[in-house]
Amino acid sequence: MFDHITTAVALRACRSMESTLAMLSHYVAHPAISCEEEHHSDVIKLAQAIANDLCELGLDSVRLLQLDGALPLVAASYSKQPGKPTLLIYGHYDLQPVQNEAWDTPPHKLTKRGDRVYARGASDDMGGWLSHLAAIRAWLEETGELPLNIKLVIEGEEEIGSPNLERYIEAFPEAFSADFMVLTDCENPSVDIPGLTVSLRGLMEIELTCEALTADVHSGLWGNLLPDPALALVSLLARLVDEDTRLRIGRIDVSENWRKESQKIPFDEALIRKGGRLLSSVLPLPERGRSRAEWVWRQPAITILSTSLPKPGEEKNAIRHKASAILSLRIPPGCTPQALFEEISKTLTSSPPGGVQVTVKLKELSALPWIDDPKGPVYDAVDRAYLKGWGHPPLRIGVGGSIPFVAIFAKRFPHVPLILNGVMDPESGAHGPNESLHLGLFERAIRANAYLYAELASLNPTSPSGI
C-alpha cells in the first residue's frame, strides 16, 4: 500500500545523511555521563537540546518529564492519525564514562575514519534513536505526515540501571502506552545482516567480603600464622569459575534444536578477535560443546568490577584485615536472580579458606532477564520492512547485555509486542574505547525504520492482543 511512497521516503532519508550526522555530532559533544554527578548538568543540557530538536521536527506534546531525585526523560508524540496504531520508540541519551580509556580520537567529538564514525554514544544509544528521528523527518518532509501515530521516550538513566524508570511509568503512563514498541539499542550479527533481538540477559551486582583481623598486621611477623583475607578472596573467586574462567554456576539447559540453529550465527574467530580486541597471542575461549551464541546469550557470565586490593603505590608489607570485591553477574533467561544469588552465596560461604568470615551481599539488581517468541503479524511486518531496508530479513538473535527497560515494560504492558533492533555491530565497541557506528549499517537501519512505520501502519490497532 505504501511501497512507492515509502521508497521515496527512504531515498530522502539517505540523501539527508549529512544533516543526520551533524545532529549526531551535536549530541555526542555533550558528556552526558549519568553515573558521574559532576556531569549531571550535561545530561540535563542534552535532554533540553533533544527536546528542542523534537519541537523543530514537528512533533507535538514535547516534554521534559522530571521527578525528584531523577534525571529527566524526554517525551514526545505524533497523534494525527486517528484509527491508526501507535508505535512507542524508546532510547536513552545518557552515556558510559570514558575514564582513562585509550581513545584514538576525542571521545566527545564525532570523528569519521573510513566507513565509521567514532565517539562515546555514537552507537549506544545516540545512533539508535537518531535513526528514528531521521526516518520521521524523511516522512514529514516527503509526505507532510507520518503513516501512524508515534510516541518517543528517551531516557537519561539507562546506563545506571534505569533506577527511576518504573516511577516514570507510574507518574506518566500515557507517555508509554502504545500498540507496539521498538527499542533500537541492540546489536546486529554483522554490518550486512540485521538482527531482531529476542532474548537479553539480566544483570546484578554482588559484594563479596572476607574478614579475619581487627587491623592490618606485619606480614613478616604473622605470615603463615594468620589467614590472609586477600588470598582468601582470590581463592573464593576461583571457586566460581571453570578452567576457562567461565562462571560454572547457574548454567541452564537449552534445546538441542536451538543449539543447532545457533551454530548458524556468524561468531567466527576473526569476528571475535577483531570485535573483542583480542591480543594476537590469545585464543577465544573454547566452545566445549556449546555454540558461541549460547555462551554469550543464554549462559551466565561473571566480571570482577572492582576490589579493595591495594593499587600500585599503596603497597605495604602487611596482611590486610579484610578484602572485598564487587562482582557483576549476567543472568541468562530461564534463571532467576534469586536462584543465582543463592547458589553463588552457598558456594562462597561454604568452608571458607583459613576460616575467614565471608559475607555475600546483593548490591544491586539492575535488570531482569527477558526472552520472547516473536510470532504473528507484527513480526511479519518487521521482516518485510527489513527485507526492503536491508535486503535481508533480520536474524532472530540474543544479546548478552542487559536493558532494564525491556523487562520493566514487558511486565507493565504484557500484551504489547516488543521490537528490539539496533545500530551496533560486533566492532562497535560500546562501553569501551573507540566506540563507533558503521555508516552503511546506520543508513540501512534508517531505511528499515522508514519501511517499518508503513508496515506497522497497515495493521489494525488493538488493545491486548490480535495485532
Protein backbone atom coordinates (compact mmCIF):
# COMPACT_ATOMS: atom_id res chain seq x y z
CA MET A 1 0.00 0.00 0.00
CA PHE A 2 2.76 2.44 0.97
CA ASP A 3 5.54 0.95 -1.18
CA HIS A 4 6.05 3.72 -3.71
CA ILE A 5 5.67 6.44 -1.08
CA THR A 6 7.93 4.71 1.41
CA THR A 7 10.62 4.15 -1.20
CA ALA A 8 10.64 7.90 -1.82
CA VAL A 9 10.85 8.48 1.95
CA ALA A 10 13.75 6.05 2.29
CA LEU A 11 15.62 7.75 -0.55
CA ARG A 12 15.09 11.14 1.06
CA ALA A 13 16.45 9.79 4.36
CA CYS A 14 19.58 8.60 2.57
CA ARG A 15 20.06 11.99 0.89
CA SER A 16 19.82 13.63 4.32
CA MET A 17 22.63 11.63 5.93
CA GLU A 18 24.89 14.67 6.18
CA SER A 19 22.39 16.59 8.30
CA THR A 20 21.65 13.44 10.34
CA LEU A 21 25.34 13.07 11.15
CA ALA A 22 25.52 16.78 12.02
CA MET A 23 22.78 16.18 14.58
CA LEU A 24 24.65 13.15 15.93
CA SER A 25 27.80 15.26 16.19
CA HIS A 26 25.90 17.84 18.24
CA TYR A 27 24.52 15.21 20.62
CA VAL A 28 27.76 13.31 21.31
CA ALA A 29 29.51 16.59 22.13
CA HIS A 30 27.62 16.55 25.45
CA PRO A 31 29.43 14.39 28.06
CA ALA A 32 26.07 13.21 29.40
CA ILE A 33 27.54 10.64 31.80
CA SER A 34 24.77 9.65 34.19
CA CYS A 35 26.99 7.75 36.64
CA GLU A 36 29.14 10.83 37.37
CA GLU A 37 27.36 13.52 39.34
CA GLU A 38 29.65 16.25 38.01
CA HIS A 39 28.19 15.55 34.56
CA HIS A 40 24.52 15.67 35.55
CA SER A 41 24.33 19.25 34.26
CA ASP A 42 25.50 17.92 30.87
CA VAL A 43 22.79 15.26 30.98
CA ILE A 44 20.17 17.94 31.58
CA LYS A 45 21.56 20.19 28.82
CA LEU A 46 21.44 17.35 26.33
CA ALA A 47 17.87 16.48 27.31
CA GLN A 48 16.85 20.06 26.61
CA ALA A 49 18.70 20.07 23.27
CA ILE A 50 16.89 16.89 22.21
CA ALA A 51 13.53 18.34 23.26
CA ASN A 52 14.23 21.47 21.21
CA ASP A 53 15.06 19.37 18.15
CA LEU A 54 11.89 17.29 18.55
CA CYS A 55 9.85 20.51 18.58
CA GLU A 56 11.57 21.69 15.40
CA LEU A 57 10.94 18.30 13.84
CA GLY A 58 7.22 18.92 14.13
CA LEU A 59 6.30 16.53 16.91
CA ASP A 60 3.67 17.60 19.39
CA SER A 61 3.48 17.27 23.18
CA VAL A 62 7.26 17.51 23.54
CA ARG A 63 8.05 17.47 27.25
CA LEU A 64 10.90 17.06 29.68
CA LEU A 65 9.44 14.70 32.26
CA GLN A 66 11.03 15.17 35.66
CA LEU A 67 10.78 13.52 39.07
CA ASP A 68 12.54 14.38 42.31
CA GLY A 69 15.90 12.67 42.52
CA ALA A 70 15.85 11.58 38.87
CA LEU A 71 17.47 12.76 35.66
CA PRO A 72 14.95 13.97 33.05
CA LEU A 73 13.22 11.82 30.47
CA VAL A 74 12.39 13.34 27.08
CA ALA A 75 8.91 12.51 25.80
CA ALA A 76 7.15 13.47 22.57
CA SER A 77 4.32 12.26 20.38
CA TYR A 78 2.70 12.47 16.96
CA SER A 79 -1.05 11.84 17.26
CA LYS A 80 -2.52 12.95 13.93
CA GLN A 81 -3.63 9.60 12.53
CA PRO A 82 -6.92 8.63 14.24
CA GLY A 83 -7.73 4.98 13.76
CA LYS A 84 -4.10 4.09 13.12
CA PRO A 85 -1.94 2.21 15.62
CA THR A 86 0.59 3.86 17.92
CA LEU A 87 4.27 2.94 17.97
CA LEU A 88 6.37 3.72 21.05
CA ILE A 89 10.04 4.40 20.31
CA TYR A 90 12.40 4.02 23.29
CA GLY A 91 16.00 5.15 23.53
CA HIS A 92 18.45 6.58 26.03
CA TYR A 93 20.68 9.60 25.74
CA ASP A 94 22.96 9.07 28.74
CA LEU A 95 26.46 7.72 28.28
CA GLN A 96 29.02 5.42 29.80
CA PRO A 97 32.10 7.19 31.21
CA VAL A 98 35.35 7.35 29.28
CA GLN A 99 37.61 7.36 32.36
CA ASN A 100 41.20 6.52 31.36
CA GLU A 101 40.35 4.61 28.20
CA ALA A 102 42.85 4.76 25.35
CA TRP A 103 40.84 6.57 22.69
CA ASP A 104 42.42 7.22 19.30
CA THR A 105 40.07 10.18 18.74
CA PRO A 106 38.43 12.66 21.16
CA PRO A 107 35.63 10.65 22.83
CA HIS A 108 33.11 13.50 22.74
CA LYS A 109 33.83 14.68 19.20
CA LEU A 110 32.35 12.77 16.27
CA THR A 111 35.27 11.73 14.06
CA LYS A 112 34.98 9.98 10.71
CA ARG A 113 37.56 7.34 9.84
CA GLY A 114 36.87 5.17 6.82
CA ASP A 115 33.34 3.79 6.93
CA ARG A 116 32.82 4.53 10.63
CA VAL A 117 32.29 7.50 12.91
CA TYR A 118 33.75 7.41 16.41
CA ALA A 119 32.51 8.92 19.66
CA ARG A 120 31.11 7.83 23.01
CA GLY A 121 27.41 7.20 22.42
CA ALA A 122 27.70 7.06 18.63
CA SER A 123 26.09 3.62 18.58
CA ASP A 124 24.97 3.20 22.22
CA ASP A 125 22.50 4.79 22.03
CA MET A 126 22.55 8.13 20.21
CA GLY A 127 22.69 6.48 16.81
CA GLY A 128 19.90 4.10 17.81
CA TRP A 129 17.13 6.58 18.45
CA LEU A 130 18.55 9.10 15.98
CA SER A 131 17.90 6.51 13.27
CA HIS A 132 14.22 7.01 14.10
CA LEU A 133 14.40 10.80 14.09
CA ALA A 134 15.98 10.58 10.63
CA ALA A 135 13.16 8.33 9.38
CA ILE A 136 10.49 10.53 10.98
CA ARG A 137 11.99 13.64 9.39
CA ALA A 138 12.10 11.97 5.97
CA TRP A 139 8.43 11.00 6.24
CA LEU A 140 7.40 14.51 7.25
CA GLU A 141 9.50 16.21 4.58
CA GLU A 142 8.39 13.85 1.80
CA THR A 143 4.68 13.48 2.64
CA GLY A 144 3.88 16.05 5.33
CA GLU A 145 2.72 13.34 7.72
CA LEU A 146 3.58 10.05 9.37
CA PRO A 147 1.71 6.89 8.39
CA LEU A 148 0.88 6.04 12.02
CA ASN A 149 0.92 7.60 15.47
CA ILE A 150 4.22 7.71 17.32
CA LYS A 151 5.42 8.28 20.87
CA LEU A 152 9.03 8.72 21.90
CA VAL A 153 10.59 8.29 25.32
CA ILE A 154 14.32 8.96 25.55
CA GLU A 155 15.69 8.12 28.97
CA GLY A 156 18.61 9.71 30.83
CA GLU A 157 19.41 6.93 33.31
CA GLU A 158 19.72 3.69 31.31
CA GLU A 159 23.46 3.42 31.85
CA ILE A 160 22.93 3.42 35.62
CA GLY A 161 20.27 0.72 35.52
CA SER A 162 17.13 2.86 34.98
CA PRO A 163 16.54 3.26 38.74
CA ASN A 164 13.60 5.63 38.27
CA LEU A 165 12.00 4.20 35.15
CA GLU A 166 9.16 2.47 36.97
CA ARG A 167 8.45 5.73 38.80
CA TYR A 168 8.24 7.49 35.43
CA ILE A 169 5.85 4.86 34.08
CA GLU A 170 3.67 5.21 37.20
CA ALA A 171 3.70 9.02 37.05
CA PHE A 172 3.26 9.37 33.25
CA PRO A 173 1.57 6.18 31.97
CA GLU A 174 0.15 7.99 28.94
CA ALA A 175 3.70 8.59 27.66
CA PHE A 176 4.33 4.84 27.44
CA SER A 177 1.04 3.28 26.31
CA ALA A 178 1.12 2.04 22.72
CA ASP A 179 0.14 -0.80 20.40
CA PHE A 180 3.74 -1.87 19.91
CA MET A 181 7.19 -0.73 21.00
CA VAL A 182 10.53 -0.52 19.22
CA LEU A 183 13.83 -0.22 21.07
CA THR A 184 16.89 0.41 18.91
CA ASP A 185 19.68 -0.29 21.39
CA CYS A 186 20.85 -3.77 20.37
CA GLU A 187 23.43 -5.37 18.11
CA ASN A 188 23.40 -6.85 14.63
CA PRO A 189 25.32 -10.01 13.70
CA SER A 190 27.32 -8.03 11.15
CA VAL A 191 27.22 -4.76 9.24
CA ASP A 192 25.39 -6.58 6.42
CA ILE A 193 22.96 -8.78 8.37
CA PRO A 194 20.33 -7.22 10.66
CA GLY A 195 19.27 -8.75 13.94
CA LEU A 196 15.98 -8.90 15.82
CA THR A 197 16.78 -9.42 19.49
CA VAL A 198 14.58 -11.99 21.20
CA SER A 199 16.47 -12.51 24.46
CA LEU A 200 18.50 -10.47 26.95
CA ARG A 201 20.48 -11.47 29.99
CA GLY A 202 19.71 -9.83 33.32
CA LEU A 203 22.29 -8.03 35.45
CA MET A 204 23.05 -7.88 39.14
CA GLU A 205 25.99 -6.91 41.32
CA ILE A 206 27.06 -8.67 44.48
CA GLU A 207 29.68 -7.74 47.06
CA LEU A 208 31.97 -10.41 48.48
CA THR A 209 33.87 -9.55 51.68
CA CYS A 210 36.45 -11.59 53.58
CA GLU A 211 37.45 -10.52 57.10
CA ALA A 212 39.87 -12.07 59.59
CA LEU A 213 41.58 -9.36 61.68
CA THR A 214 40.66 -6.20 63.54
CA ALA A 215 43.57 -4.33 61.94
CA ASP A 216 46.38 -4.77 59.42
CA VAL A 217 49.40 -6.61 60.85
CA HIS A 218 53.05 -7.12 59.90
CA SER A 219 53.32 -9.82 57.23
CA GLY A 220 56.77 -10.95 58.33
CA LEU A 221 55.76 -11.41 61.97
CA TRP A 222 52.38 -13.02 61.32
CA GLY A 223 52.54 -14.58 57.86
CA ASN A 224 51.76 -18.32 57.88
CA LEU A 225 50.12 -17.96 61.30
CA LEU A 226 47.07 -15.90 60.35
CA PRO A 227 44.65 -16.27 57.46
CA ASP A 228 45.14 -13.64 54.75
CA PRO A 229 41.75 -12.18 53.69
CA ALA A 230 43.17 -11.02 50.34
CA LEU A 231 44.36 -14.51 49.43
CA ALA A 232 41.09 -15.98 50.72
CA LEU A 233 39.23 -13.59 48.42
CA VAL A 234 41.21 -14.75 45.40
CA SER A 235 40.68 -18.40 46.37
CA LEU A 236 36.93 -17.92 46.71
CA LEU A 237 36.67 -16.17 43.35
CA ALA A 238 38.41 -19.14 41.77
CA ARG A 239 35.63 -21.39 43.08
CA LEU A 240 33.11 -19.63 40.88
CA VAL A 241 34.74 -20.32 37.53
CA ASP A 242 35.82 -23.32 35.48
CA GLU A 243 39.18 -23.94 33.85
CA ASP A 244 38.27 -21.49 31.07
CA THR A 245 37.36 -18.74 33.62
CA ARG A 246 33.66 -19.03 32.76
CA LEU A 247 31.11 -18.91 35.55
CA ARG A 248 30.25 -22.52 36.33
CA ILE A 249 27.22 -21.71 38.49
CA GLY A 250 23.73 -21.01 37.17
CA ARG A 251 24.06 -22.64 33.79
CA ILE A 252 20.82 -23.56 32.06
CA ASP A 253 19.72 -26.16 29.55
CA VAL A 254 18.79 -25.12 26.03
CA SER A 255 17.02 -27.29 23.50
CA GLU A 256 19.16 -29.26 21.09
CA ASN A 257 17.26 -27.66 18.22
CA TRP A 258 18.08 -24.14 19.46
CA ARG A 259 21.72 -25.10 19.95
CA LYS A 260 21.88 -26.44 16.41
CA GLU A 261 20.25 -23.33 14.94
CA SER A 262 22.56 -21.05 16.95
CA GLN A 263 25.56 -22.55 15.16
CA LYS A 264 24.43 -20.58 12.10
CA ILE A 265 25.07 -17.23 13.80
CA PRO A 266 28.32 -15.79 12.38
CA PHE A 267 30.50 -15.89 15.51
CA ASP A 268 33.71 -16.90 13.79
CA GLU A 269 37.17 -16.46 15.29
CA ALA A 270 38.04 -13.48 13.10
CA LEU A 271 34.95 -11.60 14.32
CA ILE A 272 35.73 -12.41 17.96
CA ARG A 273 39.34 -11.33 17.56
CA LYS A 274 38.54 -8.01 15.93
CA GLY A 275 35.38 -7.11 17.82
CA GLY A 276 36.73 -8.33 21.15
CA ARG A 277 40.11 -6.57 20.77
CA LEU A 278 41.87 -9.88 21.42
CA LEU A 279 45.68 -9.97 21.58
CA SER A 280 47.20 -11.95 18.71
CA SER A 281 48.73 -14.49 21.08
CA VAL A 282 45.44 -15.19 22.92
CA LEU A 283 42.76 -17.61 21.73
CA PRO A 284 38.97 -17.20 22.10
CA LEU A 285 37.53 -19.42 24.81
CA PRO A 286 36.77 -22.97 23.62
CA GLU A 287 33.20 -23.92 22.80
CA ARG A 288 33.11 -27.07 24.99
CA GLY A 289 30.05 -28.49 23.23
CA ARG A 290 28.07 -25.23 23.27
CA SER A 291 27.83 -22.70 20.46
CA ARG A 292 29.43 -19.30 20.90
CA ALA A 293 25.98 -17.75 20.60
CA GLU A 294 24.80 -19.88 23.50
CA TRP A 295 27.71 -18.84 25.69
CA VAL A 296 27.16 -15.13 25.13
CA TRP A 297 23.32 -15.08 25.02
CA ARG A 298 21.96 -17.96 27.07
CA GLN A 299 24.52 -18.78 29.78
CA PRO A 300 25.58 -16.77 32.87
CA ALA A 301 28.77 -14.73 32.98
CA ILE A 302 30.80 -13.02 35.68
CA THR A 303 33.02 -9.93 35.71
CA ILE A 304 35.08 -8.52 38.58
CA LEU A 305 34.17 -4.83 38.63
CA SER A 306 36.45 -3.75 41.47
CA THR A 307 38.33 -4.97 44.50
CA SER A 308 39.69 -3.44 47.68
CA LEU A 309 43.11 -4.89 46.93
CA PRO A 310 45.74 -2.14 47.11
CA LYS A 311 46.66 -0.34 43.93
CA PRO A 312 50.27 0.18 42.79
CA GLY A 313 51.79 2.82 45.00
CA GLU A 314 49.80 1.67 48.03
CA GLU A 315 51.95 -1.34 48.86
CA LYS A 316 52.98 -2.23 52.39
CA ASN A 317 54.30 -5.42 53.94
CA ALA A 318 51.14 -6.21 55.85
CA ILE A 319 48.34 -8.71 55.99
CA ARG A 320 45.25 -6.62 55.32
CA HIS A 321 42.48 -7.11 57.83
CA LYS A 322 39.83 -7.56 55.14
CA ALA A 323 39.38 -7.73 51.39
CA SER A 324 36.34 -7.36 49.15
CA ALA A 325 35.24 -7.45 45.54
CA ILE A 326 32.25 -6.20 43.57
CA LEU A 327 31.10 -8.79 41.05
CA SER A 328 28.84 -8.28 38.04
CA LEU A 329 26.67 -11.24 37.06
CA ARG A 330 24.85 -11.64 33.75
CA ILE A 331 21.71 -13.69 34.37
CA PRO A 332 20.53 -15.89 31.50
CA PRO A 333 16.86 -16.24 30.51
CA GLY A 334 15.44 -19.15 32.45
CA CYS A 335 17.44 -18.37 35.59
CA THR A 336 16.07 -16.15 38.34
CA PRO A 337 18.30 -13.63 40.12
CA GLN A 338 17.35 -15.10 43.48
CA ALA A 339 18.31 -18.64 42.46
CA LEU A 340 21.65 -17.49 41.04
CA PHE A 341 22.43 -15.37 44.10
CA GLU A 342 21.60 -18.19 46.49
CA GLU A 343 23.76 -20.69 44.62
CA ILE A 344 26.71 -18.31 44.47
CA SER A 345 26.30 -17.35 48.12
CA LYS A 346 26.29 -21.01 49.18
CA THR A 347 29.45 -21.70 47.14
CA LEU A 348 31.31 -18.73 48.61
CA THR A 349 30.36 -19.19 52.25
CA SER A 350 30.85 -22.96 52.48
CA SER A 351 34.11 -23.89 54.33
CA PRO A 352 35.96 -20.62 53.60
CA PRO A 353 39.78 -20.84 53.34
CA GLY A 354 41.51 -20.19 56.63
CA GLY A 355 38.16 -19.86 58.36
CA VAL A 356 37.81 -16.21 57.34
CA GLN A 357 34.43 -14.56 57.83
CA VAL A 358 32.69 -14.35 54.46
CA THR A 359 29.81 -12.03 53.66
CA VAL A 360 27.93 -12.08 50.36
CA LYS A 361 25.55 -9.21 49.78
CA LEU A 362 23.28 -8.33 46.89
CA LYS A 363 24.40 -4.84 45.96
CA GLU A 364 22.12 -4.10 43.02
CA LEU A 365 19.68 -5.84 40.68
CA SER A 366 19.83 -3.68 37.56
CA ALA A 367 17.86 -5.73 35.05
CA LEU A 368 15.86 -8.92 34.82
CA PRO A 369 16.48 -11.43 32.02
CA TRP A 370 13.97 -11.45 29.18
CA ILE A 371 13.06 -13.81 26.36
CA ASP A 372 10.38 -13.68 23.68
CA ASP A 373 8.93 -15.83 20.92
CA PRO A 374 8.29 -13.30 18.14
CA LYS A 375 5.45 -14.59 16.00
CA GLY A 376 2.45 -13.00 14.34
CA PRO A 377 1.60 -10.08 12.06
CA VAL A 378 3.81 -7.54 13.85
CA TYR A 379 6.94 -9.60 13.33
CA ASP A 380 5.91 -10.46 9.78
CA ALA A 381 5.78 -6.68 9.24
CA VAL A 382 9.27 -6.34 10.74
CA ASP A 383 10.60 -8.99 8.36
CA ARG A 384 9.08 -7.22 5.35
CA ALA A 385 10.46 -3.84 6.42
CA TYR A 386 13.97 -5.20 6.91
CA LEU A 387 13.91 -7.10 3.65
CA LYS A 388 13.20 -3.79 1.92
CA GLY A 389 15.56 -1.67 4.03
CA TRP A 390 18.49 -4.07 4.37
CA GLY A 391 17.88 -6.55 1.58
CA HIS A 392 17.74 -9.24 4.27
CA PRO A 393 15.15 -10.11 6.93
CA PRO A 394 16.51 -9.92 10.48
CA LEU A 395 18.03 -12.97 12.13
CA ARG A 396 16.46 -13.87 15.47
CA ILE A 397 19.33 -13.31 17.87
CA GLY A 398 20.04 -12.78 21.54
CA VAL A 399 22.09 -10.10 23.23
CA GLY A 400 24.35 -10.90 26.14
CA GLY A 401 23.90 -7.43 27.60
CA SER A 402 21.05 -6.10 29.71
CA ILE A 403 18.43 -3.42 29.08
CA PRO A 404 16.37 -2.66 32.21
CA PHE A 405 13.55 -1.02 30.24
CA VAL A 406 12.62 -4.22 28.38
CA ALA A 407 11.67 -6.42 31.34
CA ILE A 408 10.07 -3.46 33.13
CA PHE A 409 7.98 -2.54 30.09
CA ALA A 410 7.07 -6.15 29.31
CA LYS A 411 5.81 -6.65 32.85
CA ARG A 412 3.73 -3.45 32.78
CA PHE A 413 2.41 -3.92 29.22
CA PRO A 414 2.46 -7.71 28.71
CA HIS A 415 0.40 -7.70 25.51
CA VAL A 416 2.43 -5.08 23.63
CA PRO A 417 4.78 -6.66 21.05
CA LEU A 418 8.41 -5.62 21.56
CA ILE A 419 10.64 -4.99 18.55
CA LEU A 420 14.30 -4.91 19.60
CA ASN A 421 16.80 -3.89 16.94
CA GLY A 422 19.90 -1.72 16.84
CA VAL A 423 22.67 0.09 15.02
CA MET A 424 25.56 -1.69 16.74
CA ASP A 425 27.68 -4.46 15.22
CA PRO A 426 30.43 -6.64 16.74
CA GLU A 427 33.06 -3.97 16.08
CA SER A 428 31.12 -1.05 17.58
CA GLY A 429 32.98 -1.22 20.91
CA ALA A 430 30.13 0.01 23.09
CA HIS A 431 31.19 0.71 26.70
CA GLY A 432 34.84 0.73 25.65
CA PRO A 433 37.35 3.00 23.91
CA ASN A 434 36.84 3.98 20.29
CA GLU A 435 33.11 3.29 20.26
CA SER A 436 31.92 3.55 16.68
CA LEU A 437 28.97 3.49 14.30
CA HIS A 438 29.23 1.90 10.86
CA LEU A 439 27.81 4.37 8.35
CA GLY A 440 26.48 1.79 5.91
CA LEU A 441 24.70 -0.05 8.71
CA PHE A 442 23.31 3.24 10.03
CA GLU A 443 21.86 4.11 6.64
CA ARG A 444 20.26 0.67 6.28
CA ALA A 445 18.76 0.96 9.77
CA ILE A 446 17.21 4.34 8.87
CA ARG A 447 15.75 2.91 5.66
CA ALA A 448 14.34 -0.06 7.56
CA ASN A 449 12.69 2.32 10.04
CA ALA A 450 11.02 4.20 7.21
CA TYR A 451 9.58 0.95 5.86
CA LEU A 452 8.73 -0.29 9.35
CA TYR A 453 6.40 2.65 10.03
CA ALA A 454 4.48 1.95 6.84
CA GLU A 455 4.27 -1.78 7.52
CA LEU A 456 3.04 -1.27 11.09
CA ALA A 457 0.54 1.37 9.93
CA SER A 458 -1.18 -1.28 7.83
CA LEU A 459 -2.05 -3.30 10.96
CA ASN A 460 -5.17 -2.76 12.99
CA PRO A 461 -4.66 -1.16 16.41
CA THR A 462 -5.86 -3.33 19.26
CA SER A 463 -5.54 -3.42 22.97
CA PRO A 464 -4.39 -6.65 24.45
CA SER A 465 -3.87 -8.96 21.52
CA GLY A 466 -4.63 -9.60 17.90
CA ILE A 467 -2.15 -7.35 16.16
